[in-house]
């Protein structure tokens, strides 16, 4: 995480005038309404509704759907330094067995927005006309924190490809599927390597050290 600049801090609720909200939930922050001078900072606390996230063709819902957030806004000489912190629990299908997978995300991310910057790293996509779309930022930050493979457990056995039973719950008696003939060459190679390794081990065990007189 980028180092935060030194700042004079103040805090305030999300209901401050100028911060759009829907049913009491924070949607955006008008950073101009914070009336910050260079080096000044303010922390805005509130709650944000998290829409369902779609990943791998499956939907994952935050539970509860509203999460508490802290957003620290620091005024720079020619821009803004933004820090977002929140936590969320999500539930959705496991990619192997389709059972419930429970995920926890702890978010602590920053954005920098420099006025007139040509470097994309110095721009914040969520800050438009000095209005920070914090609900969108929260949702995207949680989505980026999702694992590459969503599982109910690291050792999930998945579904049987033959009968469809959940192998985590039922001991499947189906025969193992035949190996795709396109992989047969690799299977033979693996078998030869295994035999060769066993022969080397046997040769080492049978070696006898002879002491010279």
N, C-alpha and C. Protein backbone atom coordinates (compact mmCIF):
# COMPACT_ATOMS: atom_id res chain seq x y z
N UNK A 1 0.84 -1.18 0.00
CA UNK A 1 0.00 0.00 0.00
C UNK A 1 0.88 1.23 0.00
N UNK A 2 0.52 2.26 -0.75
CA UNK A 2 1.31 3.47 -0.83
C UNK A 2 1.33 4.19 0.51
N UNK A 3 2.45 4.87 0.81
CA UNK A 3 2.56 5.62 2.05
C UNK A 3 1.63 6.82 2.02
N UNK A 4 0.94 7.03 3.11
CA UNK A 4 0.04 8.16 3.20
C UNK A 4 0.79 9.40 3.61
N UNK A 5 0.46 10.55 3.07
CA UNK A 5 1.13 11.78 3.47
C UNK A 5 0.69 12.22 4.84
N UNK A 6 1.57 12.98 5.51
CA UNK A 6 1.21 13.52 6.82
C UNK A 6 0.04 14.47 6.64
N UNK A 7 -0.90 14.45 7.60
CA UNK A 7 -2.10 15.26 7.42
C UNK A 7 -2.72 15.58 8.76
N UNK A 8 -3.50 16.64 8.78
CA UNK A 8 -4.33 16.98 9.93
C UNK A 8 -5.66 16.27 9.73
N UNK A 9 -6.06 15.46 10.70
CA UNK A 9 -7.21 14.59 10.50
C UNK A 9 -8.44 15.09 11.25
N UNK A 10 -9.55 14.80 10.64
CA UNK A 10 -10.85 15.00 11.29
C UNK A 10 -11.73 13.88 10.81
N UNK A 11 -12.81 13.60 11.50
CA UNK A 11 -13.70 12.52 11.07
C UNK A 11 -15.12 13.03 11.09
N UNK A 12 -15.97 12.34 10.34
CA UNK A 12 -17.35 12.77 10.29
C UNK A 12 -18.22 11.69 9.72
N UNK A 13 -19.51 11.75 9.96
CA UNK A 13 -20.44 10.72 9.46
C UNK A 13 -20.72 10.88 7.99
N UNK A 14 -21.23 9.82 7.40
CA UNK A 14 -21.53 9.83 5.98
C UNK A 14 -22.67 10.79 5.64
N UNK A 15 -23.48 11.14 6.63
CA UNK A 15 -24.65 11.97 6.36
C UNK A 15 -24.31 13.44 6.16
N UNK A 16 -23.03 13.79 6.20
CA UNK A 16 -22.63 15.18 5.98
C UNK A 16 -23.22 15.66 4.65
N UNK A 17 -23.65 16.90 4.62
CA UNK A 17 -24.24 17.46 3.40
C UNK A 17 -23.27 17.36 2.25
N UNK A 18 -23.77 16.99 1.09
CA UNK A 18 -22.91 16.88 -0.09
C UNK A 18 -22.52 15.46 -0.41
N UNK A 19 -22.80 14.51 0.48
CA UNK A 19 -22.47 13.12 0.22
C UNK A 19 -23.76 12.37 -0.11
N UNK A 20 -23.97 12.05 -1.40
CA UNK A 20 -25.21 11.38 -1.79
C UNK A 20 -25.39 10.05 -1.07
N UNK A 21 -26.62 9.78 -0.62
CA UNK A 21 -26.94 8.54 0.07
C UNK A 21 -28.30 8.06 -0.39
N UNK A 22 -28.50 6.73 -0.32
CA UNK A 22 -29.78 6.12 -0.65
C UNK A 22 -30.20 5.27 0.54
N UNK A 23 -31.35 5.59 1.12
CA UNK A 23 -31.84 4.88 2.31
C UNK A 23 -30.79 4.86 3.41
N UNK A 24 -30.07 5.97 3.56
CA UNK A 24 -29.07 6.06 4.60
C UNK A 24 -27.75 5.42 4.27
N UNK A 25 -27.63 4.80 3.09
CA UNK A 25 -26.38 4.14 2.70
C UNK A 25 -25.60 5.06 1.78
N UNK A 26 -24.30 5.09 2.01
CA UNK A 26 -23.43 5.99 1.27
C UNK A 26 -23.27 5.51 -0.17
N UNK A 27 -23.38 6.41 -1.11
CA UNK A 27 -23.22 6.09 -2.53
C UNK A 27 -21.99 6.78 -3.09
N UNK A 28 -21.81 8.05 -2.72
CA UNK A 28 -20.70 8.83 -3.24
C UNK A 28 -20.29 9.87 -2.21
N UNK A 29 -19.07 10.38 -2.37
CA UNK A 29 -18.55 11.42 -1.49
C UNK A 29 -18.12 12.61 -2.34
N UNK A 30 -18.71 13.75 -2.08
CA UNK A 30 -18.29 14.98 -2.75
C UNK A 30 -17.11 15.53 -1.95
N UNK A 31 -15.90 15.31 -2.46
CA UNK A 31 -14.71 15.69 -1.70
C UNK A 31 -14.61 17.20 -1.52
N UNK A 32 -15.24 17.96 -2.40
CA UNK A 32 -15.21 19.42 -2.26
C UNK A 32 -15.96 19.85 -1.01
N UNK A 33 -17.00 19.10 -0.62
CA UNK A 33 -17.78 19.47 0.55
C UNK A 33 -17.00 19.29 1.84
N UNK A 34 -15.87 18.58 1.78
CA UNK A 34 -15.06 18.37 2.98
C UNK A 34 -14.24 19.61 3.33
N UNK A 35 -14.11 20.54 2.38
CA UNK A 35 -13.46 21.82 2.61
C UNK A 35 -12.05 21.64 3.17
N UNK A 36 -11.27 20.84 2.48
CA UNK A 36 -9.91 20.55 2.92
C UNK A 36 -8.90 21.43 2.20
N UNK A 37 -7.88 21.88 2.95
CA UNK A 37 -6.75 22.58 2.36
C UNK A 37 -5.61 21.58 2.19
N UNK A 38 -4.56 21.96 1.45
CA UNK A 38 -3.44 21.07 1.21
C UNK A 38 -2.86 20.55 2.53
N UNK A 39 -2.74 19.23 2.62
CA UNK A 39 -2.25 18.60 3.85
C UNK A 39 -3.35 18.22 4.81
N UNK A 40 -4.57 18.68 4.57
CA UNK A 40 -5.68 18.36 5.44
C UNK A 40 -6.31 17.03 5.08
N UNK A 41 -6.95 16.39 6.04
CA UNK A 41 -7.57 15.08 5.80
C UNK A 41 -8.86 14.97 6.58
N UNK A 42 -9.73 14.14 6.07
CA UNK A 42 -10.98 13.85 6.78
C UNK A 42 -11.35 12.40 6.51
N UNK A 43 -11.81 11.72 7.56
CA UNK A 43 -12.28 10.35 7.43
C UNK A 43 -13.80 10.34 7.41
N UNK A 44 -14.34 9.72 6.40
CA UNK A 44 -15.79 9.62 6.26
C UNK A 44 -16.20 8.18 6.57
N UNK A 45 -17.03 7.99 7.57
CA UNK A 45 -17.54 6.67 7.95
C UNK A 45 -18.97 6.53 7.45
N UNK A 46 -19.29 5.33 6.99
CA UNK A 46 -20.65 5.10 6.54
C UNK A 46 -20.88 3.64 6.20
N UNK A 47 -22.00 3.36 5.61
CA UNK A 47 -22.33 2.00 5.17
C UNK A 47 -22.64 2.04 3.68
N UNK A 48 -22.25 0.96 3.00
CA UNK A 48 -22.40 0.87 1.55
C UNK A 48 -23.09 -0.44 1.20
N UNK A 49 -24.04 -0.38 0.31
CA UNK A 49 -24.69 -1.59 -0.19
C UNK A 49 -23.82 -2.23 -1.27
N UNK A 50 -23.58 -3.53 -1.14
CA UNK A 50 -22.76 -4.26 -2.10
C UNK A 50 -23.67 -5.12 -2.98
N UNK A 51 -23.72 -4.80 -4.26
CA UNK A 51 -24.51 -5.60 -5.18
C UNK A 51 -23.88 -6.98 -5.36
N UNK A 52 -24.68 -7.93 -5.82
CA UNK A 52 -24.16 -9.28 -6.06
C UNK A 52 -23.01 -9.23 -7.07
N UNK A 53 -21.98 -10.01 -6.80
CA UNK A 53 -20.83 -10.08 -7.68
C UNK A 53 -20.95 -11.33 -8.55
N UNK A 54 -20.63 -11.21 -9.82
CA UNK A 54 -20.69 -12.35 -10.73
C UNK A 54 -19.27 -12.73 -11.11
N UNK A 55 -18.91 -13.97 -10.82
CA UNK A 55 -17.56 -14.46 -11.09
C UNK A 55 -17.65 -15.90 -11.56
N UNK A 56 -17.00 -16.19 -12.69
CA UNK A 56 -17.04 -17.55 -13.22
C UNK A 56 -18.44 -18.01 -13.56
N UNK A 57 -19.30 -17.07 -13.94
CA UNK A 57 -20.67 -17.42 -14.29
C UNK A 57 -21.58 -17.67 -13.09
N UNK A 58 -21.08 -17.39 -11.87
CA UNK A 58 -21.86 -17.62 -10.65
C UNK A 58 -22.01 -16.31 -9.90
N UNK A 59 -23.08 -16.20 -9.10
CA UNK A 59 -23.34 -15.00 -8.31
C UNK A 59 -22.89 -15.21 -6.87
N UNK A 60 -22.26 -14.17 -6.31
CA UNK A 60 -21.80 -14.19 -4.93
C UNK A 60 -22.36 -12.97 -4.22
N UNK A 61 -23.08 -13.22 -3.13
CA UNK A 61 -23.80 -12.17 -2.43
C UNK A 61 -23.14 -11.87 -1.10
N UNK A 62 -22.96 -10.58 -0.82
CA UNK A 62 -22.42 -10.18 0.48
C UNK A 62 -23.48 -10.42 1.55
N UNK A 63 -23.07 -10.94 2.69
CA UNK A 63 -23.98 -11.20 3.80
C UNK A 63 -23.37 -10.65 5.09
N UNK A 64 -23.92 -9.56 5.60
CA UNK A 64 -25.06 -8.80 5.08
C UNK A 64 -24.68 -8.01 3.84
N UNK A 65 -25.71 -7.57 3.12
CA UNK A 65 -25.48 -6.87 1.86
C UNK A 65 -24.96 -5.46 2.07
N UNK A 66 -25.07 -4.93 3.29
CA UNK A 66 -24.56 -3.61 3.61
C UNK A 66 -23.34 -3.75 4.51
N UNK A 67 -22.24 -3.11 4.12
CA UNK A 67 -21.00 -3.21 4.88
C UNK A 67 -20.58 -1.83 5.38
N UNK A 68 -19.92 -1.80 6.52
CA UNK A 68 -19.39 -0.55 7.06
C UNK A 68 -18.08 -0.21 6.35
N UNK A 69 -17.89 1.06 6.03
CA UNK A 69 -16.68 1.49 5.33
C UNK A 69 -16.09 2.71 6.03
N UNK A 70 -14.78 2.83 5.87
CA UNK A 70 -14.05 4.02 6.28
C UNK A 70 -13.29 4.53 5.06
N UNK A 71 -13.47 5.77 4.76
CA UNK A 71 -12.77 6.37 3.62
C UNK A 71 -12.01 7.60 4.10
N UNK A 72 -10.71 7.57 3.96
CA UNK A 72 -9.88 8.70 4.35
C UNK A 72 -9.53 9.51 3.12
N UNK A 73 -9.83 10.78 3.16
CA UNK A 73 -9.58 11.69 2.04
C UNK A 73 -8.52 12.69 2.47
N UNK A 74 -7.41 12.73 1.74
CA UNK A 74 -6.32 13.65 2.03
C UNK A 74 -6.16 14.60 0.84
N UNK A 75 -6.14 15.90 1.14
CA UNK A 75 -5.98 16.89 0.08
C UNK A 75 -4.49 17.10 -0.17
N UNK A 76 -4.07 16.89 -1.42
CA UNK A 76 -2.71 17.16 -1.84
C UNK A 76 -2.64 18.54 -2.48
N UNK A 77 -1.43 18.96 -2.79
CA UNK A 77 -1.28 20.27 -3.43
C UNK A 77 -2.03 20.32 -4.75
N UNK A 78 -1.92 19.21 -5.51
CA UNK A 78 -2.55 19.19 -6.84
C UNK A 78 -3.40 17.94 -7.05
N UNK A 79 -4.04 17.47 -5.99
CA UNK A 79 -4.89 16.29 -6.15
C UNK A 79 -5.38 15.74 -4.83
N UNK A 80 -5.62 14.42 -4.83
CA UNK A 80 -6.21 13.76 -3.67
C UNK A 80 -5.53 12.42 -3.43
N UNK A 81 -5.43 12.04 -2.17
CA UNK A 81 -5.01 10.70 -1.78
C UNK A 81 -6.18 10.07 -1.04
N UNK A 82 -6.62 8.91 -1.51
CA UNK A 82 -7.83 8.27 -0.99
C UNK A 82 -7.49 6.88 -0.46
N UNK A 83 -8.04 6.57 0.70
CA UNK A 83 -7.83 5.24 1.29
C UNK A 83 -9.18 4.66 1.71
N UNK A 84 -9.42 3.41 1.32
CA UNK A 84 -10.69 2.73 1.61
C UNK A 84 -10.42 1.50 2.46
N UNK A 85 -11.19 1.35 3.53
CA UNK A 85 -11.08 0.16 4.38
C UNK A 85 -12.48 -0.37 4.67
N UNK A 86 -12.64 -1.68 4.51
CA UNK A 86 -13.90 -2.33 4.81
C UNK A 86 -13.68 -3.83 4.89
N UNK A 87 -14.68 -4.55 5.36
CA UNK A 87 -14.65 -6.01 5.40
C UNK A 87 -16.01 -6.53 4.92
N UNK A 88 -15.98 -7.67 4.27
CA UNK A 88 -17.22 -8.24 3.74
C UNK A 88 -17.15 -9.76 3.76
N UNK A 89 -18.28 -10.37 4.02
CA UNK A 89 -18.42 -11.84 3.92
C UNK A 89 -19.35 -12.14 2.76
N UNK A 90 -18.94 -13.08 1.92
CA UNK A 90 -19.72 -13.43 0.74
C UNK A 90 -20.05 -14.92 0.73
N UNK A 91 -21.14 -15.24 0.10
CA UNK A 91 -21.56 -16.64 -0.04
C UNK A 91 -21.99 -16.89 -1.47
N UNK A 92 -21.60 -18.06 -1.97
CA UNK A 92 -21.96 -18.45 -3.33
C UNK A 92 -21.49 -19.86 -3.59
N UNK A 93 -21.69 -20.38 -4.81
CA UNK A 93 -21.38 -21.78 -5.11
C UNK A 93 -19.88 -22.06 -5.24
N UNK A 94 -19.50 -23.22 -4.74
CA UNK A 94 -18.15 -23.74 -4.93
C UNK A 94 -17.99 -24.16 -6.39
N UNK A 95 -16.84 -23.93 -6.96
CA UNK A 95 -16.63 -24.24 -8.37
C UNK A 95 -16.46 -25.74 -8.63
N UNK A 96 -16.26 -26.53 -7.59
CA UNK A 96 -16.09 -27.98 -7.79
C UNK A 96 -17.35 -28.76 -7.49
N UNK A 97 -17.99 -28.45 -6.35
CA UNK A 97 -19.14 -29.27 -5.94
C UNK A 97 -20.46 -28.51 -5.99
N UNK A 98 -20.41 -27.20 -6.24
CA UNK A 98 -21.59 -26.34 -6.31
C UNK A 98 -22.26 -26.14 -4.96
N UNK A 99 -21.62 -26.62 -3.88
CA UNK A 99 -22.13 -26.35 -2.54
C UNK A 99 -21.80 -24.93 -2.12
N UNK A 100 -22.21 -24.55 -0.92
CA UNK A 100 -21.97 -23.19 -0.44
C UNK A 100 -20.49 -22.97 -0.16
N UNK A 101 -19.96 -21.89 -0.69
CA UNK A 101 -18.61 -21.44 -0.38
C UNK A 101 -18.72 -20.12 0.37
N UNK A 102 -17.99 -19.98 1.45
CA UNK A 102 -18.03 -18.76 2.25
C UNK A 102 -16.67 -18.07 2.14
N UNK A 103 -16.72 -16.79 1.81
CA UNK A 103 -15.49 -16.03 1.58
C UNK A 103 -15.48 -14.80 2.49
N UNK A 104 -14.28 -14.43 2.91
CA UNK A 104 -14.12 -13.21 3.72
C UNK A 104 -13.11 -12.31 3.04
N UNK A 105 -13.46 -11.05 2.89
CA UNK A 105 -12.56 -10.07 2.28
C UNK A 105 -12.28 -8.95 3.27
N UNK A 106 -11.00 -8.68 3.48
CA UNK A 106 -10.57 -7.54 4.29
C UNK A 106 -9.90 -6.56 3.33
N UNK A 107 -10.53 -5.43 3.11
CA UNK A 107 -10.10 -4.48 2.09
C UNK A 107 -9.37 -3.30 2.73
N UNK A 108 -8.19 -3.00 2.19
CA UNK A 108 -7.43 -1.81 2.58
C UNK A 108 -6.68 -1.36 1.33
N UNK A 109 -7.26 -0.45 0.58
CA UNK A 109 -6.71 -0.06 -0.72
C UNK A 109 -6.62 1.46 -0.80
N UNK A 110 -5.77 1.93 -1.70
CA UNK A 110 -5.59 3.36 -1.87
C UNK A 110 -5.69 3.73 -3.35
N UNK A 111 -6.02 4.99 -3.57
CA UNK A 111 -6.03 5.58 -4.91
C UNK A 111 -5.44 6.98 -4.81
N UNK A 112 -4.73 7.37 -5.87
CA UNK A 112 -4.20 8.73 -5.96
C UNK A 112 -4.75 9.39 -7.21
N UNK A 113 -5.21 10.61 -7.06
CA UNK A 113 -5.74 11.36 -8.19
C UNK A 113 -5.00 12.70 -8.27
N UNK A 114 -4.19 12.84 -9.30
CA UNK A 114 -3.43 14.07 -9.51
C UNK A 114 -4.08 14.85 -10.65
N UNK A 115 -4.39 16.08 -10.40
CA UNK A 115 -5.08 16.90 -11.40
C UNK A 115 -4.21 17.12 -12.63
N UNK A 116 -4.76 16.82 -13.80
CA UNK A 116 -4.05 17.01 -15.06
C UNK A 116 -2.98 15.98 -15.34
N UNK A 117 -2.93 14.89 -14.58
CA UNK A 117 -1.89 13.87 -14.77
C UNK A 117 -2.14 13.08 -16.04
N UNK A 118 -1.06 12.75 -16.75
CA UNK A 118 -1.16 11.91 -17.94
C UNK A 118 -0.84 10.45 -17.63
N UNK A 119 -0.23 10.20 -16.48
CA UNK A 119 0.09 8.85 -16.04
C UNK A 119 -1.17 8.19 -15.50
N UNK A 120 -1.60 7.04 -16.08
CA UNK A 120 -2.82 6.37 -15.59
C UNK A 120 -2.75 6.01 -14.11
N UNK A 121 -1.53 5.77 -13.59
CA UNK A 121 -1.40 5.42 -12.18
C UNK A 121 -1.70 6.60 -11.27
N UNK A 122 -1.72 7.79 -11.82
CA UNK A 122 -2.00 8.98 -11.04
C UNK A 122 -3.44 9.45 -11.21
N UNK A 123 -4.27 8.60 -11.81
CA UNK A 123 -5.67 8.91 -12.00
C UNK A 123 -6.53 7.94 -11.20
N UNK A 124 -7.67 8.40 -10.77
CA UNK A 124 -8.63 7.55 -10.05
C UNK A 124 -9.91 7.46 -10.86
N UNK A 125 -10.25 6.27 -11.30
CA UNK A 125 -11.44 6.09 -12.12
C UNK A 125 -12.72 6.37 -11.34
N UNK A 126 -12.64 6.32 -10.02
CA UNK A 126 -13.84 6.49 -9.19
C UNK A 126 -14.07 7.95 -8.79
N UNK A 127 -13.12 8.82 -9.13
CA UNK A 127 -13.27 10.23 -8.79
C UNK A 127 -13.56 11.02 -10.07
N UNK A 128 -14.79 11.47 -10.19
CA UNK A 128 -15.23 12.20 -11.38
C UNK A 128 -15.79 13.55 -10.94
N UNK A 129 -15.18 14.62 -11.44
CA UNK A 129 -15.61 15.98 -11.08
C UNK A 129 -15.65 16.15 -9.56
N UNK A 130 -14.60 15.62 -8.90
CA UNK A 130 -14.44 15.74 -7.44
C UNK A 130 -15.52 15.00 -6.66
N UNK A 131 -16.20 14.07 -7.30
CA UNK A 131 -17.16 13.21 -6.60
C UNK A 131 -16.65 11.78 -6.64
N UNK A 132 -16.42 11.21 -5.46
CA UNK A 132 -15.89 9.85 -5.35
C UNK A 132 -17.03 8.85 -5.31
N UNK A 133 -17.09 8.00 -6.34
CA UNK A 133 -18.13 6.96 -6.40
C UNK A 133 -17.71 5.80 -5.51
N UNK A 134 -17.94 5.95 -4.21
CA UNK A 134 -17.40 5.00 -3.25
C UNK A 134 -18.10 3.64 -3.32
N UNK A 135 -19.38 3.61 -3.65
CA UNK A 135 -20.09 2.33 -3.76
C UNK A 135 -19.48 1.47 -4.86
N UNK A 136 -19.15 2.09 -5.99
CA UNK A 136 -18.50 1.35 -7.08
C UNK A 136 -17.11 0.89 -6.67
N UNK A 137 -16.39 1.74 -5.95
CA UNK A 137 -15.04 1.40 -5.51
C UNK A 137 -15.07 0.20 -4.56
N UNK A 138 -16.01 0.21 -3.62
CA UNK A 138 -16.14 -0.90 -2.67
C UNK A 138 -16.41 -2.21 -3.41
N UNK A 139 -17.36 -2.17 -4.33
CA UNK A 139 -17.72 -3.39 -5.05
C UNK A 139 -16.55 -3.93 -5.86
N UNK A 140 -15.84 -3.04 -6.56
CA UNK A 140 -14.71 -3.50 -7.37
C UNK A 140 -13.57 -4.00 -6.51
N UNK A 141 -13.33 -3.37 -5.37
CA UNK A 141 -12.26 -3.80 -4.48
C UNK A 141 -12.53 -5.20 -3.94
N UNK A 142 -13.78 -5.48 -3.60
CA UNK A 142 -14.14 -6.81 -3.12
C UNK A 142 -14.00 -7.83 -4.25
N UNK A 143 -14.43 -7.46 -5.46
CA UNK A 143 -14.33 -8.37 -6.60
C UNK A 143 -12.87 -8.71 -6.90
N UNK A 144 -11.98 -7.72 -6.80
CA UNK A 144 -10.57 -7.97 -7.08
C UNK A 144 -9.92 -8.83 -6.00
N UNK A 145 -10.53 -8.86 -4.82
CA UNK A 145 -9.97 -9.64 -3.71
C UNK A 145 -10.41 -11.10 -3.75
N UNK A 146 -11.34 -11.45 -4.64
CA UNK A 146 -11.80 -12.83 -4.72
C UNK A 146 -10.65 -13.74 -5.17
N UNK A 147 -10.59 -14.96 -4.66
CA UNK A 147 -9.54 -15.89 -5.09
C UNK A 147 -9.73 -16.31 -6.54
N UNK A 148 -8.65 -16.80 -7.15
CA UNK A 148 -8.73 -17.21 -8.55
C UNK A 148 -9.63 -18.41 -8.74
N UNK A 149 -9.74 -19.26 -7.72
CA UNK A 149 -10.65 -20.41 -7.74
C UNK A 149 -11.45 -20.39 -6.45
N UNK A 150 -12.76 -20.38 -6.55
CA UNK A 150 -13.60 -20.28 -5.36
C UNK A 150 -14.05 -21.68 -4.97
N UNK A 151 -13.63 -22.10 -3.76
CA UNK A 151 -13.93 -23.45 -3.28
C UNK A 151 -14.56 -23.38 -1.89
N UNK A 152 -15.36 -24.40 -1.57
CA UNK A 152 -15.91 -24.51 -0.23
C UNK A 152 -14.83 -24.93 0.75
N UNK A 153 -13.83 -25.65 0.23
CA UNK A 153 -12.70 -26.11 1.03
C UNK A 153 -11.56 -26.45 0.07
N UNK A 154 -10.33 -26.25 0.51
CA UNK A 154 -9.19 -26.52 -0.36
C UNK A 154 -9.16 -27.99 -0.80
N UNK A 155 -9.68 -28.88 0.04
CA UNK A 155 -9.68 -30.31 -0.26
C UNK A 155 -11.00 -30.79 -0.86
N UNK A 156 -11.80 -29.88 -1.39
CA UNK A 156 -13.08 -30.27 -1.97
C UNK A 156 -12.88 -31.33 -3.05
N UNK A 157 -13.63 -32.44 -2.93
CA UNK A 157 -13.49 -33.55 -3.88
C UNK A 157 -14.33 -33.36 -5.13
N UNK A 158 -15.25 -32.39 -5.11
CA UNK A 158 -16.03 -32.08 -6.30
C UNK A 158 -17.15 -33.08 -6.57
N UNK A 159 -17.71 -32.99 -7.75
CA UNK A 159 -18.79 -33.86 -8.18
C UNK A 159 -18.25 -35.01 -9.01
N UNK A 160 -18.89 -36.17 -8.89
CA UNK A 160 -18.52 -37.30 -9.73
C UNK A 160 -18.95 -37.00 -11.17
N UNK A 161 -18.06 -37.11 -12.13
CA UNK A 161 -18.44 -36.81 -13.51
C UNK A 161 -19.39 -37.84 -14.10
N UNK A 162 -19.53 -38.99 -13.44
CA UNK A 162 -20.42 -40.04 -13.96
C UNK A 162 -21.82 -39.95 -13.39
N UNK A 163 -21.93 -39.93 -12.05
CA UNK A 163 -23.26 -39.95 -11.43
C UNK A 163 -23.67 -38.59 -10.89
N UNK A 164 -22.74 -37.66 -10.78
CA UNK A 164 -23.06 -36.32 -10.30
C UNK A 164 -23.16 -36.19 -8.80
N UNK A 165 -22.83 -37.24 -8.04
CA UNK A 165 -22.89 -37.16 -6.58
C UNK A 165 -21.79 -36.24 -6.05
N UNK A 166 -22.10 -35.59 -4.93
CA UNK A 166 -21.11 -34.75 -4.26
C UNK A 166 -20.16 -35.67 -3.49
N UNK A 167 -18.93 -35.74 -3.93
CA UNK A 167 -17.97 -36.66 -3.32
C UNK A 167 -17.55 -36.23 -1.92
N UNK A 168 -17.91 -35.03 -1.51
CA UNK A 168 -17.64 -34.62 -0.13
C UNK A 168 -18.64 -35.26 0.83
N UNK A 169 -19.81 -35.65 0.30
CA UNK A 169 -20.88 -36.19 1.14
C UNK A 169 -21.09 -37.67 0.95
N UNK A 170 -20.80 -38.18 -0.24
CA UNK A 170 -21.07 -39.59 -0.57
C UNK A 170 -19.81 -40.23 -1.14
N UNK A 171 -19.51 -41.44 -0.69
CA UNK A 171 -18.40 -42.18 -1.27
C UNK A 171 -18.85 -42.77 -2.60
N UNK A 172 -18.37 -42.18 -3.67
CA UNK A 172 -18.81 -42.59 -4.99
C UNK A 172 -18.13 -43.90 -5.40
N UNK A 173 -18.92 -44.85 -5.95
CA UNK A 173 -18.40 -46.15 -6.36
C UNK A 173 -18.24 -46.25 -7.87
N UNK A 174 -18.42 -45.14 -8.54
CA UNK A 174 -18.28 -45.17 -9.99
C UNK A 174 -16.82 -45.43 -10.38
N UNK A 175 -16.66 -46.13 -11.51
CA UNK A 175 -15.31 -46.38 -12.01
C UNK A 175 -14.70 -45.06 -12.46
N UNK A 176 -13.39 -44.98 -12.31
CA UNK A 176 -12.71 -43.77 -12.76
C UNK A 176 -12.83 -43.66 -14.27
N UNK A 177 -13.06 -42.48 -14.77
CA UNK A 177 -13.21 -42.33 -16.23
C UNK A 177 -11.93 -42.69 -16.96
N UNK A 178 -12.11 -43.18 -18.18
CA UNK A 178 -10.96 -43.52 -19.00
C UNK A 178 -10.14 -42.28 -19.30
N UNK A 179 -8.83 -42.50 -19.40
CA UNK A 179 -7.94 -41.39 -19.72
C UNK A 179 -8.13 -40.98 -21.17
N UNK A 180 -8.21 -39.70 -21.38
CA UNK A 180 -8.31 -39.17 -22.74
C UNK A 180 -7.10 -39.66 -23.54
N UNK A 181 -7.33 -40.32 -24.68
CA UNK A 181 -6.20 -40.85 -25.45
C UNK A 181 -5.18 -39.78 -25.84
N UNK A 182 -5.60 -38.56 -25.88
CA UNK A 182 -4.65 -37.50 -26.23
C UNK A 182 -3.60 -37.30 -25.15
N UNK A 183 -3.88 -37.81 -23.93
CA UNK A 183 -2.92 -37.68 -22.83
C UNK A 183 -2.16 -38.98 -22.58
N UNK A 184 -2.41 -40.01 -23.37
CA UNK A 184 -1.79 -41.31 -23.13
C UNK A 184 -0.27 -41.25 -23.22
N UNK A 185 0.25 -40.42 -24.11
CA UNK A 185 1.70 -40.30 -24.23
C UNK A 185 2.33 -39.78 -22.96
N UNK A 186 1.69 -38.82 -22.33
CA UNK A 186 2.22 -38.28 -21.08
C UNK A 186 2.12 -39.31 -19.96
N UNK A 187 1.04 -40.11 -19.98
CA UNK A 187 0.90 -41.14 -18.96
C UNK A 187 2.02 -42.17 -19.07
N UNK A 188 2.36 -42.57 -20.31
CA UNK A 188 3.45 -43.52 -20.51
C UNK A 188 4.79 -42.92 -20.09
N UNK A 189 4.99 -41.65 -20.38
CA UNK A 189 6.22 -40.99 -19.97
C UNK A 189 6.35 -40.95 -18.46
N UNK A 190 5.26 -40.64 -17.77
CA UNK A 190 5.27 -40.60 -16.31
C UNK A 190 5.59 -41.98 -15.74
N UNK A 191 5.05 -43.03 -16.37
CA UNK A 191 5.30 -44.38 -15.89
C UNK A 191 6.79 -44.75 -16.07
N UNK A 192 7.37 -44.37 -17.23
CA UNK A 192 8.78 -44.67 -17.45
C UNK A 192 9.66 -43.93 -16.46
N UNK A 193 9.33 -42.68 -16.20
CA UNK A 193 10.12 -41.91 -15.24
C UNK A 193 10.03 -42.51 -13.84
N UNK A 194 8.84 -43.00 -13.49
CA UNK A 194 8.67 -43.62 -12.18
C UNK A 194 9.49 -44.90 -12.08
N UNK A 195 9.49 -45.70 -13.15
CA UNK A 195 10.29 -46.95 -13.15
C UNK A 195 11.78 -46.62 -13.08
N UNK A 196 12.21 -45.64 -13.86
CA UNK A 196 13.61 -45.25 -13.85
C UNK A 196 14.06 -44.77 -12.50
N UNK A 197 13.21 -44.00 -11.81
CA UNK A 197 13.56 -43.52 -10.49
C UNK A 197 13.67 -44.66 -9.50
N UNK A 198 12.78 -45.67 -9.62
CA UNK A 198 12.83 -46.83 -8.73
C UNK A 198 14.11 -47.63 -8.97
N UNK A 199 14.52 -47.79 -10.24
CA UNK A 199 15.75 -48.53 -10.55
C UNK A 199 16.96 -47.83 -9.96
N UNK A 200 16.98 -46.50 -10.03
CA UNK A 200 18.10 -45.75 -9.46
C UNK A 200 18.18 -45.93 -7.96
N UNK A 201 17.02 -45.95 -7.31
CA UNK A 201 17.01 -46.15 -5.86
C UNK A 201 17.51 -47.53 -5.50
N UNK A 202 17.11 -48.54 -6.27
CA UNK A 202 17.55 -49.90 -6.00
C UNK A 202 19.05 -50.05 -6.20
N UNK A 203 19.55 -49.40 -7.24
CA UNK A 203 20.98 -49.47 -7.50
C UNK A 203 21.76 -48.82 -6.37
N UNK A 204 21.27 -47.75 -5.83
CA UNK A 204 21.95 -47.09 -4.72
C UNK A 204 21.93 -47.93 -3.47
N UNK A 205 20.80 -48.65 -3.24
CA UNK A 205 20.72 -49.49 -2.05
C UNK A 205 21.66 -50.68 -2.13
N UNK A 206 21.91 -51.19 -3.34
CA UNK A 206 22.72 -52.39 -3.50
C UNK A 206 24.21 -52.08 -3.59
N UNK A 207 24.58 -50.83 -3.67
CA UNK A 207 26.00 -50.47 -3.76
C UNK A 207 26.71 -50.78 -2.46
N UNK A 208 27.94 -51.28 -2.57
CA UNK A 208 28.75 -51.65 -1.39
C UNK A 208 30.03 -50.85 -1.41
N UNK A 209 30.31 -50.20 -0.31
CA UNK A 209 31.56 -49.46 -0.18
C UNK A 209 32.69 -50.44 0.13
N UNK A 210 33.78 -50.35 -0.58
CA UNK A 210 34.95 -51.22 -0.38
C UNK A 210 36.08 -50.36 0.13
N UNK A 211 36.57 -50.71 1.30
CA UNK A 211 37.70 -49.97 1.88
C UNK A 211 38.99 -50.48 1.30
N UNK A 212 39.85 -49.56 0.88
CA UNK A 212 41.15 -49.98 0.39
C UNK A 212 42.08 -50.31 1.53
N UNK A 213 42.90 -51.38 1.35
CA UNK A 213 43.87 -51.75 2.39
C UNK A 213 44.97 -50.70 2.51
